[in-house]
Amino acid sequence: MPLSATIVHLILQPLAENAIIHGFADRKSGCRIAISARLEREGLVLRVEDNGRGCDADKMNRMLRQPPVLDINESNEAGSGYGTLNVHRRIQLHDGEGYGLRYVEVGEGTGTSVEVVMPYRPERPAARKDAGNV
């Protein structure tokens, strides 16, 4: 049975964009991005995975745990990743610090897998604009 859920806007786009820009930077064909969703004990888990060049999951998870950089001229440990950090912190602001992104180890050179963890909030049916009070 299909389920619908309400999620924070613009969280998947930066993750898919990272796969294209960083994962497939040196490839012209055979590129694959898969986006999936599942319910787990902790809530809704969205996964974006690619078959690109991959990244160091431990390093990326450490970068996500760093405190926000206040000086625009400073950089974080991973160098870039502002889009990823933005997504992670927006989820935490919206849902709490127990939620956000996590990178999953997939094996060297076999791509990148990043998961978005957030509470499951079933989508509520929109109220009909043309409905009157009865």
N, C-alpha and C. Protein backbone atom coordinates (compact mmCIF):
# COMPACT_ATOMS: atom_id res chain seq x y z
N MET A 1 0.85 -1.18 0.00
CA MET A 1 0.00 0.00 0.00
C MET A 1 0.89 1.24 0.00
N PRO A 2 0.72 2.14 -0.96
CA PRO A 2 1.54 3.36 -1.02
C PRO A 2 1.23 4.28 0.16
N LEU A 3 2.26 4.92 0.65
CA LEU A 3 2.12 5.88 1.74
C LEU A 3 2.57 7.25 1.25
N SER A 4 1.97 8.29 1.78
CA SER A 4 2.39 9.66 1.49
C SER A 4 2.91 10.27 2.78
N ALA A 5 3.88 11.17 2.64
CA ALA A 5 4.45 11.81 3.82
C ALA A 5 4.77 13.25 3.52
N THR A 6 4.73 14.07 4.55
CA THR A 6 5.13 15.46 4.46
C THR A 6 6.61 15.55 4.83
N ILE A 7 7.41 16.19 3.98
CA ILE A 7 8.84 16.31 4.25
C ILE A 7 9.29 17.76 4.05
N VAL A 8 10.46 18.07 4.57
CA VAL A 8 11.06 19.38 4.40
C VAL A 8 11.35 19.58 2.91
N HIS A 9 11.05 20.74 2.39
CA HIS A 9 11.27 21.02 0.96
C HIS A 9 12.74 21.05 0.60
N LEU A 10 13.04 20.70 -0.63
CA LEU A 10 14.37 20.79 -1.24
C LEU A 10 15.46 20.06 -0.45
N ILE A 11 15.18 18.82 -0.06
CA ILE A 11 16.22 18.05 0.60
C ILE A 11 16.87 17.03 -0.33
N LEU A 12 16.15 16.55 -1.33
CA LEU A 12 16.71 15.55 -2.23
C LEU A 12 17.52 16.17 -3.37
N GLN A 13 17.13 17.34 -3.82
CA GLN A 13 17.79 17.98 -4.96
C GLN A 13 19.28 18.19 -4.73
N PRO A 14 19.73 18.73 -3.60
CA PRO A 14 21.17 18.91 -3.40
C PRO A 14 21.93 17.58 -3.35
N LEU A 15 21.29 16.52 -2.86
CA LEU A 15 21.96 15.22 -2.79
C LEU A 15 22.11 14.61 -4.18
N ALA A 16 21.08 14.72 -5.00
CA ALA A 16 21.18 14.23 -6.39
C ALA A 16 22.19 15.08 -7.17
N GLU A 17 22.18 16.38 -6.93
CA GLU A 17 23.13 17.27 -7.60
C GLU A 17 24.57 16.92 -7.23
N ASN A 18 24.84 16.60 -5.96
CA ASN A 18 26.18 16.18 -5.56
C ASN A 18 26.61 14.93 -6.31
N ALA A 19 25.70 13.98 -6.49
CA ALA A 19 26.03 12.77 -7.23
C ALA A 19 26.45 13.11 -8.65
N ILE A 20 25.75 14.02 -9.28
CA ILE A 20 26.05 14.39 -10.66
C ILE A 20 27.37 15.16 -10.74
N ILE A 21 27.53 16.17 -9.90
CA ILE A 21 28.71 17.04 -9.98
C ILE A 21 29.97 16.34 -9.50
N HIS A 22 29.88 15.66 -8.35
CA HIS A 22 31.09 15.08 -7.75
C HIS A 22 31.28 13.61 -8.14
N GLY A 23 30.21 12.84 -8.08
CA GLY A 23 30.33 11.42 -8.36
C GLY A 23 30.58 11.08 -9.81
N PHE A 24 29.99 11.86 -10.70
CA PHE A 24 30.09 11.56 -12.13
C PHE A 24 30.94 12.57 -12.89
N ALA A 25 31.80 13.29 -12.19
CA ALA A 25 32.60 14.35 -12.81
C ALA A 25 33.44 13.86 -13.98
N ASP A 26 33.93 12.64 -13.92
CA ASP A 26 34.82 12.13 -14.96
C ASP A 26 34.17 11.06 -15.82
N ARG A 27 32.83 10.97 -15.82
CA ARG A 27 32.13 9.94 -16.58
C ARG A 27 31.14 10.56 -17.54
N LYS A 28 30.97 9.89 -18.66
CA LYS A 28 29.99 10.33 -19.66
C LYS A 28 28.84 9.35 -19.82
N SER A 29 28.99 8.12 -19.31
CA SER A 29 27.93 7.12 -19.46
C SER A 29 27.94 6.17 -18.27
N GLY A 30 26.89 5.37 -18.18
CA GLY A 30 26.78 4.38 -17.11
C GLY A 30 26.49 4.97 -15.75
N CYS A 31 26.03 6.21 -15.71
CA CYS A 31 25.75 6.89 -14.44
C CYS A 31 24.36 6.50 -13.94
N ARG A 32 24.26 6.19 -12.66
CA ARG A 32 22.99 5.78 -12.07
C ARG A 32 22.80 6.45 -10.72
N ILE A 33 21.62 7.02 -10.51
CA ILE A 33 21.22 7.56 -9.22
C ILE A 33 19.91 6.88 -8.85
N ALA A 34 19.84 6.33 -7.65
CA ALA A 34 18.61 5.68 -7.17
C ALA A 34 18.15 6.40 -5.91
N ILE A 35 16.85 6.69 -5.86
CA ILE A 35 16.26 7.33 -4.69
C ILE A 35 15.18 6.39 -4.17
N SER A 36 15.27 6.06 -2.89
CA SER A 36 14.30 5.15 -2.29
C SER A 36 13.84 5.69 -0.94
N ALA A 37 12.74 5.13 -0.46
CA ALA A 37 12.19 5.53 0.84
C ALA A 37 11.73 4.28 1.57
N ARG A 38 11.90 4.31 2.89
CA ARG A 38 11.43 3.20 3.71
C ARG A 38 11.09 3.74 5.11
N LEU A 39 10.24 3.01 5.79
CA LEU A 39 9.94 3.33 7.18
C LEU A 39 10.77 2.42 8.07
N GLU A 40 11.41 3.01 9.07
CA GLU A 40 12.17 2.27 10.07
C GLU A 40 11.71 2.73 11.44
N ARG A 41 12.24 2.11 12.46
CA ARG A 41 11.90 2.46 13.84
C ARG A 41 12.11 3.96 14.09
N GLU A 42 13.19 4.52 13.54
CA GLU A 42 13.52 5.92 13.78
C GLU A 42 12.68 6.89 12.95
N GLY A 43 11.94 6.40 11.98
CA GLY A 43 11.09 7.26 11.17
C GLY A 43 11.24 6.97 9.70
N LEU A 44 11.07 7.99 8.90
CA LEU A 44 11.18 7.90 7.45
C LEU A 44 12.65 8.02 7.05
N VAL A 45 13.12 7.11 6.22
CA VAL A 45 14.50 7.13 5.75
C VAL A 45 14.47 7.20 4.23
N LEU A 46 14.97 8.31 3.69
CA LEU A 46 15.11 8.48 2.25
C LEU A 46 16.57 8.22 1.91
N ARG A 47 16.84 7.46 0.86
CA ARG A 47 18.22 7.15 0.49
C ARG A 47 18.48 7.60 -0.94
N VAL A 48 19.59 8.30 -1.12
CA VAL A 48 20.07 8.68 -2.45
C VAL A 48 21.41 7.98 -2.63
N GLU A 49 21.48 7.11 -3.63
CA GLU A 49 22.74 6.41 -3.87
C GLU A 49 23.09 6.48 -5.34
N ASP A 50 24.38 6.49 -5.60
CA ASP A 50 24.86 6.56 -6.97
C ASP A 50 25.99 5.56 -7.16
N ASN A 51 26.36 5.35 -8.41
CA ASN A 51 27.47 4.46 -8.73
C ASN A 51 28.68 5.25 -9.21
N GLY A 52 28.85 6.44 -8.66
CA GLY A 52 29.97 7.32 -9.02
C GLY A 52 31.25 6.94 -8.31
N ARG A 53 32.15 7.92 -8.23
CA ARG A 53 33.48 7.64 -7.69
C ARG A 53 33.50 7.41 -6.18
N GLY A 54 32.45 7.80 -5.48
CA GLY A 54 32.35 7.54 -4.05
C GLY A 54 32.98 8.62 -3.20
N CYS A 55 32.78 8.49 -1.90
CA CYS A 55 33.36 9.42 -0.94
C CYS A 55 33.65 8.65 0.34
N ASP A 56 34.36 9.29 1.23
CA ASP A 56 34.69 8.70 2.53
C ASP A 56 33.52 8.98 3.47
N ALA A 57 32.71 7.94 3.73
CA ALA A 57 31.51 8.12 4.55
C ALA A 57 31.85 8.62 5.95
N ASP A 58 32.91 8.09 6.55
CA ASP A 58 33.29 8.54 7.90
C ASP A 58 33.64 10.02 7.91
N LYS A 59 34.39 10.46 6.93
CA LYS A 59 34.79 11.87 6.84
C LYS A 59 33.55 12.76 6.66
N MET A 60 32.64 12.34 5.81
CA MET A 60 31.43 13.13 5.58
C MET A 60 30.56 13.18 6.84
N ASN A 61 30.45 12.07 7.56
CA ASN A 61 29.67 12.08 8.81
C ASN A 61 30.32 12.96 9.86
N ARG A 62 31.66 12.98 9.92
CA ARG A 62 32.35 13.90 10.85
C ARG A 62 32.05 15.35 10.48
N MET A 63 32.07 15.65 9.19
CA MET A 63 31.79 17.01 8.72
C MET A 63 30.38 17.44 9.13
N LEU A 64 29.43 16.53 9.08
CA LEU A 64 28.06 16.85 9.47
C LEU A 64 27.94 17.15 10.96
N ARG A 65 28.82 16.59 11.77
CA ARG A 65 28.77 16.81 13.22
C ARG A 65 29.51 18.07 13.66
N GLN A 66 30.25 18.71 12.76
CA GLN A 66 30.99 19.92 13.14
C GLN A 66 30.02 21.05 13.44
N PRO A 67 30.40 21.91 14.38
CA PRO A 67 29.55 23.08 14.65
C PRO A 67 29.53 24.00 13.43
N PRO A 68 28.47 24.78 13.29
CA PRO A 68 28.39 25.71 12.16
C PRO A 68 29.58 26.66 12.12
N VAL A 69 30.06 26.95 10.91
CA VAL A 69 31.15 27.90 10.71
C VAL A 69 30.53 29.29 10.66
N LEU A 70 31.02 30.18 11.53
CA LEU A 70 30.46 31.53 11.60
C LEU A 70 31.16 32.49 10.65
N ASP A 71 32.43 32.27 10.36
CA ASP A 71 33.19 33.14 9.47
C ASP A 71 33.10 32.60 8.05
N ILE A 72 32.57 33.38 7.14
CA ILE A 72 32.39 32.94 5.76
C ILE A 72 33.71 32.59 5.07
N ASN A 73 34.83 33.12 5.57
CA ASN A 73 36.12 32.83 4.97
C ASN A 73 36.72 31.51 5.47
N GLU A 74 36.15 30.95 6.53
CA GLU A 74 36.62 29.65 7.03
C GLU A 74 35.95 28.56 6.21
N SER A 75 36.57 27.38 6.20
CA SER A 75 35.93 26.25 5.53
C SER A 75 35.80 25.11 6.51
N ASN A 76 34.94 24.15 6.18
CA ASN A 76 34.79 23.00 7.05
C ASN A 76 35.81 21.93 6.66
N GLU A 77 35.86 20.84 7.43
CA GLU A 77 36.86 19.80 7.23
C GLU A 77 36.80 19.19 5.84
N ALA A 78 35.62 19.00 5.29
CA ALA A 78 35.49 18.34 4.00
C ALA A 78 35.78 19.27 2.84
N GLY A 79 35.92 20.55 3.10
CA GLY A 79 36.23 21.49 2.03
C GLY A 79 34.99 22.13 1.47
N SER A 80 34.14 21.35 0.82
CA SER A 80 32.89 21.89 0.30
C SER A 80 31.76 21.28 1.11
N GLY A 81 30.64 21.07 0.50
CA GLY A 81 29.56 20.43 1.21
C GLY A 81 28.56 21.38 1.83
N TYR A 82 28.53 22.63 1.37
CA TYR A 82 27.60 23.58 1.94
C TYR A 82 26.15 23.17 1.68
N GLY A 83 25.87 22.61 0.51
CA GLY A 83 24.51 22.15 0.22
C GLY A 83 24.11 21.01 1.13
N THR A 84 25.03 20.07 1.35
CA THR A 84 24.77 18.94 2.24
C THR A 84 24.58 19.42 3.67
N LEU A 85 25.45 20.31 4.12
CA LEU A 85 25.30 20.86 5.47
C LEU A 85 24.00 21.62 5.62
N ASN A 86 23.61 22.36 4.60
CA ASN A 86 22.36 23.11 4.63
C ASN A 86 21.19 22.16 4.82
N VAL A 87 21.16 21.07 4.04
CA VAL A 87 20.08 20.09 4.16
C VAL A 87 20.07 19.49 5.56
N HIS A 88 21.23 19.06 6.03
CA HIS A 88 21.35 18.43 7.35
C HIS A 88 20.83 19.36 8.45
N ARG A 89 21.26 20.59 8.43
CA ARG A 89 20.88 21.54 9.49
C ARG A 89 19.42 21.98 9.38
N ARG A 90 18.89 22.09 8.18
CA ARG A 90 17.47 22.44 8.04
C ARG A 90 16.59 21.32 8.60
N ILE A 91 16.98 20.07 8.36
CA ILE A 91 16.21 18.95 8.92
C ILE A 91 16.29 19.00 10.44
N GLN A 92 17.48 19.25 10.99
CA GLN A 92 17.62 19.31 12.44
C GLN A 92 16.84 20.48 13.04
N LEU A 93 16.83 21.62 12.38
CA LEU A 93 16.04 22.76 12.87
C LEU A 93 14.55 22.43 12.87
N HIS A 94 14.12 21.72 11.85
CA HIS A 94 12.71 21.40 11.69
C HIS A 94 12.28 20.24 12.59
N ASP A 95 13.13 19.21 12.74
CA ASP A 95 12.72 17.97 13.40
C ASP A 95 13.49 17.63 14.67
N GLY A 96 14.61 18.30 14.94
CA GLY A 96 15.40 18.00 16.13
C GLY A 96 16.75 17.40 15.77
N GLU A 97 17.68 17.45 16.71
CA GLU A 97 19.05 17.03 16.46
C GLU A 97 19.21 15.53 16.26
N GLY A 98 18.21 14.74 16.59
CA GLY A 98 18.28 13.30 16.37
C GLY A 98 18.05 12.90 14.93
N TYR A 99 17.77 13.89 14.07
CA TYR A 99 17.47 13.63 12.67
C TYR A 99 18.49 14.34 11.79
N GLY A 100 18.46 14.05 10.51
CA GLY A 100 19.37 14.69 9.57
C GLY A 100 19.93 13.69 8.58
N LEU A 101 21.13 13.97 8.09
CA LEU A 101 21.78 13.12 7.10
C LEU A 101 22.75 12.16 7.76
N ARG A 102 22.97 11.05 7.09
CA ARG A 102 24.04 10.12 7.46
C ARG A 102 24.54 9.45 6.19
N TYR A 103 25.85 9.39 6.07
CA TYR A 103 26.47 8.71 4.94
C TYR A 103 26.67 7.26 5.32
N VAL A 104 26.44 6.36 4.38
CA VAL A 104 26.53 4.93 4.61
C VAL A 104 27.74 4.40 3.84
N GLU A 105 28.56 3.61 4.52
CA GLU A 105 29.73 3.00 3.88
C GLU A 105 29.26 1.98 2.85
N VAL A 106 29.72 2.12 1.61
CA VAL A 106 29.30 1.20 0.55
C VAL A 106 30.45 0.46 -0.11
N GLY A 107 31.65 0.74 0.28
CA GLY A 107 32.80 0.08 -0.34
C GLY A 107 33.52 1.05 -1.27
N GLU A 108 34.81 1.03 -1.22
CA GLU A 108 35.64 1.98 -1.96
C GLU A 108 35.40 1.90 -3.47
N GLY A 109 35.15 3.05 -4.07
CA GLY A 109 34.99 3.14 -5.51
C GLY A 109 33.67 2.61 -6.05
N THR A 110 32.71 2.31 -5.17
CA THR A 110 31.43 1.77 -5.64
C THR A 110 30.29 2.77 -5.54
N GLY A 111 30.59 4.02 -5.31
CA GLY A 111 29.56 5.04 -5.26
C GLY A 111 29.39 5.64 -3.89
N THR A 112 28.33 6.40 -3.76
CA THR A 112 28.00 7.10 -2.52
C THR A 112 26.57 6.78 -2.15
N SER A 113 26.33 6.63 -0.86
CA SER A 113 24.98 6.42 -0.35
C SER A 113 24.79 7.34 0.85
N VAL A 114 23.80 8.21 0.75
CA VAL A 114 23.48 9.13 1.85
C VAL A 114 22.01 8.97 2.19
N GLU A 115 21.73 8.93 3.49
CA GLU A 115 20.35 8.77 3.94
C GLU A 115 19.87 10.01 4.67
N VAL A 116 18.62 10.34 4.44
CA VAL A 116 17.93 11.42 5.13
C VAL A 116 17.01 10.75 6.14
N VAL A 117 17.19 11.06 7.42
CA VAL A 117 16.38 10.45 8.47
C VAL A 117 15.53 11.55 9.10
N MET A 118 14.22 11.34 9.11
CA MET A 118 13.29 12.31 9.67
C MET A 118 12.07 11.58 10.22
N PRO A 119 11.31 12.24 11.07
CA PRO A 119 10.11 11.58 11.58
C PRO A 119 9.12 11.34 10.43
N TYR A 120 8.36 10.27 10.55
CA TYR A 120 7.32 10.01 9.55
C TYR A 120 6.08 10.78 9.94
N ARG A 121 5.67 11.66 9.05
CA ARG A 121 4.45 12.44 9.24
C ARG A 121 3.54 12.15 8.06
N PRO A 122 2.49 11.36 8.28
CA PRO A 122 1.58 11.08 7.17
C PRO A 122 1.03 12.37 6.58
N GLU A 123 0.94 12.39 5.28
CA GLU A 123 0.40 13.57 4.59
C GLU A 123 -1.09 13.68 4.88
N ARG A 124 -1.50 14.86 5.25
CA ARG A 124 -2.91 15.10 5.54
C ARG A 124 -3.60 15.52 4.25
N PRO A 125 -4.79 15.02 4.02
CA PRO A 125 -5.52 15.45 2.83
C PRO A 125 -5.76 16.96 2.88
N ALA A 126 -5.55 17.62 1.76
CA ALA A 126 -5.77 19.06 1.70
C ALA A 126 -7.26 19.36 1.80
N ALA A 127 -7.56 20.42 2.52
CA ALA A 127 -8.95 20.85 2.64
C ALA A 127 -9.42 21.39 1.31
N ARG A 128 -10.60 21.03 0.91
CA ARG A 128 -11.14 21.51 -0.36
C ARG A 128 -11.44 23.00 -0.25
N LYS A 129 -10.91 23.75 -1.19
CA LYS A 129 -11.14 25.21 -1.18
C LYS A 129 -12.57 25.56 -1.49
N ASP A 130 -13.24 24.66 -2.26
CA ASP A 130 -14.59 24.99 -2.65
C ASP A 130 -15.62 24.43 -1.66
N ALA A 131 -15.15 23.83 -0.58
CA ALA A 131 -16.09 23.26 0.40
C ALA A 131 -16.55 24.36 1.35
N GLY A 132 -17.79 24.34 1.62
CA GLY A 132 -18.34 25.33 2.54
C GLY A 132 -18.61 24.70 3.89
N ASN A 133 -19.00 25.51 4.85
CA ASN A 133 -19.37 24.97 6.16
C ASN A 133 -20.73 24.34 6.06
N VAL A 134 -20.81 23.13 6.60
CA VAL A 134 -22.09 22.43 6.56
C VAL A 134 -22.59 22.20 7.95
